[in-house]
Protein backbone atom coordinates (compact mmCIF):
# COMPACT_ATOMS: atom_id res chain seq x y z
CA UNK A 1 -0.01 -0.07 0.04
CA UNK A 2 2.76 2.25 0.72
CA UNK A 3 4.21 1.72 -2.55
CA UNK A 4 0.74 2.54 -4.28
CA UNK A 5 0.91 6.04 -2.77
CA UNK A 6 4.22 6.73 -3.20
CA UNK A 7 3.83 6.08 -6.89
CA UNK A 8 0.48 8.13 -6.92
CA UNK A 9 2.29 10.87 -5.34
CA UNK A 10 4.94 10.80 -7.97
CA UNK A 11 2.42 11.01 -10.68
CA UNK A 12 0.59 13.72 -9.08
CA UNK A 13 2.36 16.52 -11.10
CA UNK A 14 2.13 14.71 -14.39
CA UNK A 15 -1.62 13.96 -14.03
CA UNK A 16 -2.48 17.57 -13.39
CA UNK A 17 -0.60 18.82 -16.13
CA UNK A 18 -2.08 16.21 -18.77
CA UNK A 19 -5.74 16.81 -17.23
CA UNK A 20 -5.32 20.67 -17.79
CA UNK A 21 -3.96 19.95 -21.07
CA UNK A 22 -6.80 17.93 -22.21
CA UNK A 23 -9.34 20.49 -20.67
CA UNK A 24 -7.62 23.41 -22.48
CA UNK A 25 -7.72 21.45 -25.90
CA UNK A 26 -11.32 20.66 -25.59
CA UNK A 27 -12.39 24.24 -24.36
CA UNK A 28 -10.37 25.71 -27.34
CA UNK A 29 -12.00 23.34 -30.05
CA UNK A 30 -15.72 23.57 -28.78
CA UNK A 31 -15.46 27.22 -28.69
CA UNK A 32 -15.17 27.33 -32.29
CA UNK A 33 -18.37 25.33 -32.82
CA UNK A 34 -20.90 28.19 -32.80
CA UNK A 35 -19.24 29.93 -35.82
CA UNK A 36 -19.00 26.50 -37.54
CA UNK A 37 -22.69 25.74 -36.76
CA UNK A 38 -23.88 29.29 -37.86
CA UNK A 39 -21.94 29.09 -41.26
CA UNK A 40 -22.51 25.37 -41.89
CA UNK A 41 -23.10 25.54 -45.34
CA UNK A 42 -20.13 27.36 -46.46
CA UNK A 43 -17.81 25.04 -44.25
CA UNK A 44 -19.14 22.05 -45.78
CA UNK A 45 -18.42 23.42 -49.40
CA UNK A 46 -14.93 23.46 -48.32
CA UNK A 47 -14.69 20.37 -46.80
CA UNK A 48 -16.30 18.57 -49.81
CA UNK A 49 -13.28 19.69 -51.73
CA UNK A 50 -11.13 17.57 -49.72
CA UNK A 51 -10.75 13.82 -50.97
CA UNK A 52 -13.06 11.28 -48.82
CA UNK A 53 -9.77 9.38 -47.73
CA UNK A 54 -8.33 12.37 -46.31
CA UNK A 55 -11.57 13.40 -44.48
CA UNK A 56 -11.66 9.75 -42.97
CA UNK A 57 -7.98 10.13 -41.96
CA UNK A 58 -8.41 13.19 -39.97
CA UNK A 59 -11.90 12.27 -38.45
CA UNK A 60 -14.13 14.63 -40.66
CA UNK A 61 -17.75 12.96 -41.37
CA UNK A 62 -19.87 15.27 -43.44
CA UNK A 63 -22.78 13.45 -42.16
CA UNK A 64 -22.73 14.79 -38.71
CA UNK A 65 -20.19 17.15 -38.37
CA UNK A 66 -22.14 19.83 -38.00
CA UNK A 67 -24.13 18.71 -34.94
CA UNK A 68 -22.48 19.23 -31.55
CA UNK A 69 -21.61 15.55 -31.06
CA UNK A 70 -20.17 15.13 -34.84
CA UNK A 71 -17.93 18.43 -34.22
CA UNK A 72 -16.96 16.97 -30.93
CA UNK A 73 -15.58 13.83 -32.76
CA UNK A 74 -13.04 15.96 -34.54
CA UNK A 75 -10.96 17.38 -31.43
CA UNK A 76 -11.47 13.96 -29.75
CA UNK A 77 -9.26 12.29 -32.23
CA UNK A 78 -6.61 14.77 -30.88
CA UNK A 79 -7.61 13.97 -27.30
CA UNK A 80 -7.07 10.33 -27.60
CA UNK A 81 -3.86 11.01 -29.31
CA UNK A 82 -2.53 12.79 -26.10
CA UNK A 83 -4.23 10.39 -23.69
CA UNK A 84 -2.69 7.51 -25.47
CA UNK A 85 0.76 9.56 -25.05
CA UNK A 86 -0.16 9.88 -21.29
CA UNK A 87 -1.19 5.97 -20.72
CA UNK A 88 1.84 4.88 -22.82
CA UNK A 89 4.07 7.20 -20.65
CA UNK A 90 2.78 6.03 -17.36
CA UNK A 91 3.19 2.18 -18.43
CA UNK A 92 6.56 2.46 -19.68
CA UNK A 93 7.90 4.21 -16.53
CA UNK A 94 6.26 1.79 -14.13
CA UNK A 95 9.48 -0.53 -14.28
CA UNK A 96 12.02 1.08 -16.40
CA UNK A 97 12.33 4.00 -13.87
CA UNK A 98 13.43 1.72 -11.16
CA UNK A 99 16.23 0.68 -13.27
CA UNK A 100 17.05 3.99 -14.79
CA UNK A 101 17.31 5.65 -11.29
CA UNK A 102 18.97 2.50 -9.75
CA UNK A 103 16.47 1.78 -7.19
CA UNK A 104 15.21 -1.50 -8.32
CA UNK A 105 17.33 -3.72 -6.11
CA UNK A 106 16.56 -1.59 -3.19
CA UNK A 107 12.81 -1.87 -3.87
CA UNK A 108 12.89 -5.78 -4.23
CA UNK A 109 14.82 -6.10 -0.86
CA UNK A 110 11.49 -5.07 1.09
CA UNK A 111 9.31 -7.57 2.46
CA UNK A 112 7.01 -7.39 -0.56
CA UNK A 113 6.38 -9.87 -3.48
CA UNK A 114 7.15 -8.67 -7.22
CA UNK A 115 3.60 -9.26 -7.75
CA UNK A 116 2.44 -6.66 -4.99
CA UNK A 117 5.03 -4.41 -6.36
CA UNK A 118 3.71 -4.28 -9.77
CA UNK A 119 0.12 -4.47 -8.70
CA UNK A 120 0.73 -1.16 -6.43
CA UNK A 121 2.25 0.49 -9.19
CA UNK A 122 -0.43 -0.66 -11.89
CA UNK A 123 -3.28 0.54 -9.41
CA UNK A 124 -1.32 3.86 -9.07
CA UNK A 125 -0.98 4.48 -12.87
CA UNK A 126 -4.94 3.23 -13.32
CA UNK A 127 -6.01 6.01 -10.69
CA UNK A 128 -3.89 8.74 -12.28
CA UNK A 129 -5.71 7.71 -15.52
CA UNK A 130 -9.22 7.82 -13.99
CA UNK A 131 -8.75 11.18 -12.36
CA UNK A 132 -7.65 12.40 -15.77
CA UNK A 133 -10.82 11.36 -17.36
CA UNK A 134 -12.97 12.42 -14.59
CA UNK A 135 -11.49 16.00 -14.97
CA UNK A 136 -11.82 15.78 -18.81
CA UNK A 137 -15.37 14.46 -18.74
CA UNK A 138 -16.68 17.20 -16.35
CA UNK A 139 -14.99 19.81 -18.42
CA UNK A 140 -16.36 18.31 -21.70
CA UNK A 141 -19.90 18.00 -20.60
CA UNK A 142 -19.52 21.82 -19.40
CA UNK A 143 -18.31 23.07 -22.57
CA UNK A 144 -20.91 21.37 -24.57
CA UNK A 145 -23.73 22.64 -22.63
CA UNK A 146 -22.07 26.09 -23.08
CA UNK A 147 -21.71 26.16 -26.89
CA UNK A 148 -24.56 23.74 -27.85
CA UNK A 149 -27.19 24.90 -30.55
CA UNK A 150 -29.56 22.04 -30.18
CA UNK A 151 -30.36 18.97 -28.10
CA UNK A 152 -27.99 15.83 -28.07
CA UNK A 153 -27.80 12.65 -26.27
CA UNK A 154 -26.05 12.62 -23.27
CA UNK A 155 -25.58 8.71 -23.49
CA UNK A 156 -23.88 9.33 -26.65
CA UNK A 157 -21.45 12.09 -25.44
CA UNK A 158 -20.54 9.84 -22.51
CA UNK A 159 -19.84 6.77 -24.92
CA UNK A 160 -17.53 9.16 -27.16
CA UNK A 161 -15.79 10.69 -24.32
CA UNK A 162 -14.96 7.22 -22.61
CA UNK A 163 -13.12 5.92 -25.68
CA UNK A 164 -10.24 8.14 -24.16
CA UNK A 165 -10.36 5.93 -21.25
CA UNK A 166 -10.24 2.64 -23.10
CA UNK A 167 -7.47 3.82 -25.55
CA UNK A 168 -5.39 5.08 -22.43
CA UNK A 169 -5.99 1.57 -20.80
CA UNK A 170 -4.78 -0.14 -23.91
CA UNK A 171 -1.59 2.01 -24.11
CA UNK A 172 -0.94 1.88 -20.41
CA UNK A 173 -0.70 -2.03 -20.53
CA UNK A 174 1.35 -1.92 -23.69
CA UNK A 175 3.50 0.29 -22.02
CA UNK A 176 3.75 -1.97 -18.90
CA UNK A 177 4.53 -4.80 -20.86
CA UNK A 178 7.64 -3.04 -22.95
CA UNK A 179 8.79 -1.84 -19.45
CA UNK A 180 9.23 -5.31 -18.22
CA UNK A 181 10.60 -6.94 -21.44
CA UNK A 182 13.17 -4.34 -22.33
CA UNK A 183 16.28 -4.54 -20.03
CA UNK A 184 16.89 -0.93 -19.79
CA UNK A 185 14.94 2.12 -21.34
CA UNK A 186 17.01 5.35 -21.86
CA UNK A 187 14.09 7.59 -22.67
CA UNK A 188 10.60 6.74 -21.55
CA UNK A 189 8.98 9.51 -23.57
CA UNK A 190 11.01 8.76 -26.71
CA UNK A 191 9.76 5.28 -26.58
CA UNK A 192 6.02 6.30 -25.76
CA UNK A 193 6.05 9.01 -28.49
CA UNK A 194 7.20 6.46 -31.00
CA UNK A 195 4.86 3.75 -30.23
CA UNK A 196 1.77 6.07 -29.88
CA UNK A 197 2.64 7.89 -33.36
CA UNK A 198 3.34 4.57 -35.16
CA UNK A 199 -0.13 3.35 -34.17
CA UNK A 200 -1.81 6.76 -34.78
CA UNK A 201 -0.40 6.92 -38.22
CA UNK A 202 -1.16 3.20 -38.81
CA UNK A 203 -4.73 4.01 -38.07
CA UNK A 204 -4.86 6.89 -40.47
CA UNK A 205 -3.62 4.78 -43.09
CA UNK A 206 -6.26 2.24 -42.46
CA UNK A 207 -8.85 4.88 -42.71
CA UNK A 208 -7.48 5.89 -46.36
CA UNK A 209 -7.76 2.26 -47.61
CA UNK A 210 -11.35 1.70 -46.20
CA UNK A 211 -10.72 -1.89 -45.46
CA UNK A 212 -12.27 -2.92 -42.34
CA UNK A 213 -9.78 -5.52 -41.48
CA UNK A 214 -7.03 -3.17 -41.20
CA UNK A 215 -8.88 -1.32 -38.22
CA UNK A 216 -7.64 -3.89 -36.05
CA UNK A 217 -4.01 -2.91 -36.56
CA UNK A 218 -4.49 0.34 -34.58
CA UNK A 219 -6.24 1.13 -31.30
CA UNK A 220 -7.23 4.35 -32.27
CA UNK A 221 -9.71 2.82 -34.72
CA UNK A 222 -11.29 0.44 -32.39
CA UNK A 223 -14.11 3.19 -31.50
CA UNK A 224 -15.51 4.36 -34.54
CA UNK A 225 -17.38 7.77 -33.59
CA UNK A 226 -19.71 7.54 -36.51
CA UNK A 227 -20.88 4.18 -35.38
CA UNK A 228 -21.56 5.39 -31.77
CA UNK A 229 -23.45 8.36 -32.79
CA UNK A 230 -25.66 6.15 -35.37
CA UNK A 231 -26.10 3.05 -33.04
CA UNK A 232 -25.52 4.60 -29.18
CA UNK A 233 -22.94 1.43 -28.67
CA UNK A 234 -19.41 0.35 -29.22
CA UNK A 235 -18.69 -2.17 -31.75
CA UNK A 236 -18.68 -5.54 -30.07
CA UNK A 237 -15.82 -7.12 -31.91
CA UNK A 238 -13.39 -4.12 -31.33
CA UNK A 239 -14.45 -3.88 -27.91
CA UNK A 240 -13.43 -7.56 -27.39
CA UNK A 241 -10.12 -7.07 -28.98
CA UNK A 242 -9.27 -4.25 -26.67
CA UNK A 243 -10.16 -6.43 -23.78
CA UNK A 244 -7.97 -9.25 -25.00
CA UNK A 245 -5.19 -6.94 -25.89
CA UNK A 246 -5.27 -5.38 -22.10
CA UNK A 247 -5.52 -8.72 -20.54
CA UNK A 248 -2.73 -10.48 -22.54
CA UNK A 249 -0.51 -7.54 -22.07
CA UNK A 250 -1.12 -7.58 -18.10
CA UNK A 251 -0.60 -11.27 -17.99
CA UNK A 252 2.58 -11.13 -19.85
CA UNK A 253 3.81 -8.29 -17.71
CA UNK A 254 3.28 -10.24 -14.41
CA UNK A 255 4.89 -13.54 -15.88
CA UNK A 256 8.03 -11.64 -17.24
CA UNK A 257 8.50 -9.55 -14.12
CA UNK A 258 8.30 -12.52 -11.87
CA UNK A 259 11.18 -14.13 -13.63
CA UNK A 260 13.04 -11.22 -14.49
CA UNK A 261 16.70 -10.67 -13.56
CA UNK A 262 17.27 -7.44 -11.68
CA UNK A 263 20.54 -6.08 -11.72
CA UNK A 264 22.05 -4.51 -8.24
CA UNK A 265 23.55 -1.19 -8.47
């Protein structure tokens, strides 16, 4: 339990910075909505000039873009990108920082099992993500109510917003797995950025091809906003794949960490 609170305290500053950053991004984008809604016809003509593949890649859906929820999907693509970096950064630093800061051997001499250590670290990272999502969700609901020009479904808004949480969980667990497999990570941020952007651009590529199967290659495409708006639900197959990735990554992390050689200082 002491490890949990120590880790939570260590993540306090970064959690605050990420939360404020996401709030500022959504506040900035949503403040533009009244202008877009007021001049929807002209903006639609401009967007029609872009190829459909490009519109799909950057998250534009002309069918609902000028509704409050459809417009919200555009900044949401950037929000999930930032959230994925936060999750990946947390996950990658969980074990690797003990190696880089040369505290791993000290930590593991304490009367706690490796399973307890990893569990405490995972829980602290999970709580940090939950706190970020709560702050973001409150800010999003507030902004949507401030700028809305028509009624909208609160359920759909919540489903769209929760995609941030699911994507963060996926990248958190991927990051944890990398941190226990790779012997020594020199720069957590560079690993996080490289991994997240690789999946992000892979997702953009899958959108341009229009092939449904390629969506499975990138977690960023597991939660299709157009589908969520139309059906008020997630796609079952992609939700299942998300859960499988999370479970497998966590299981692999515990298995490797339990047998991993920890080099002393």
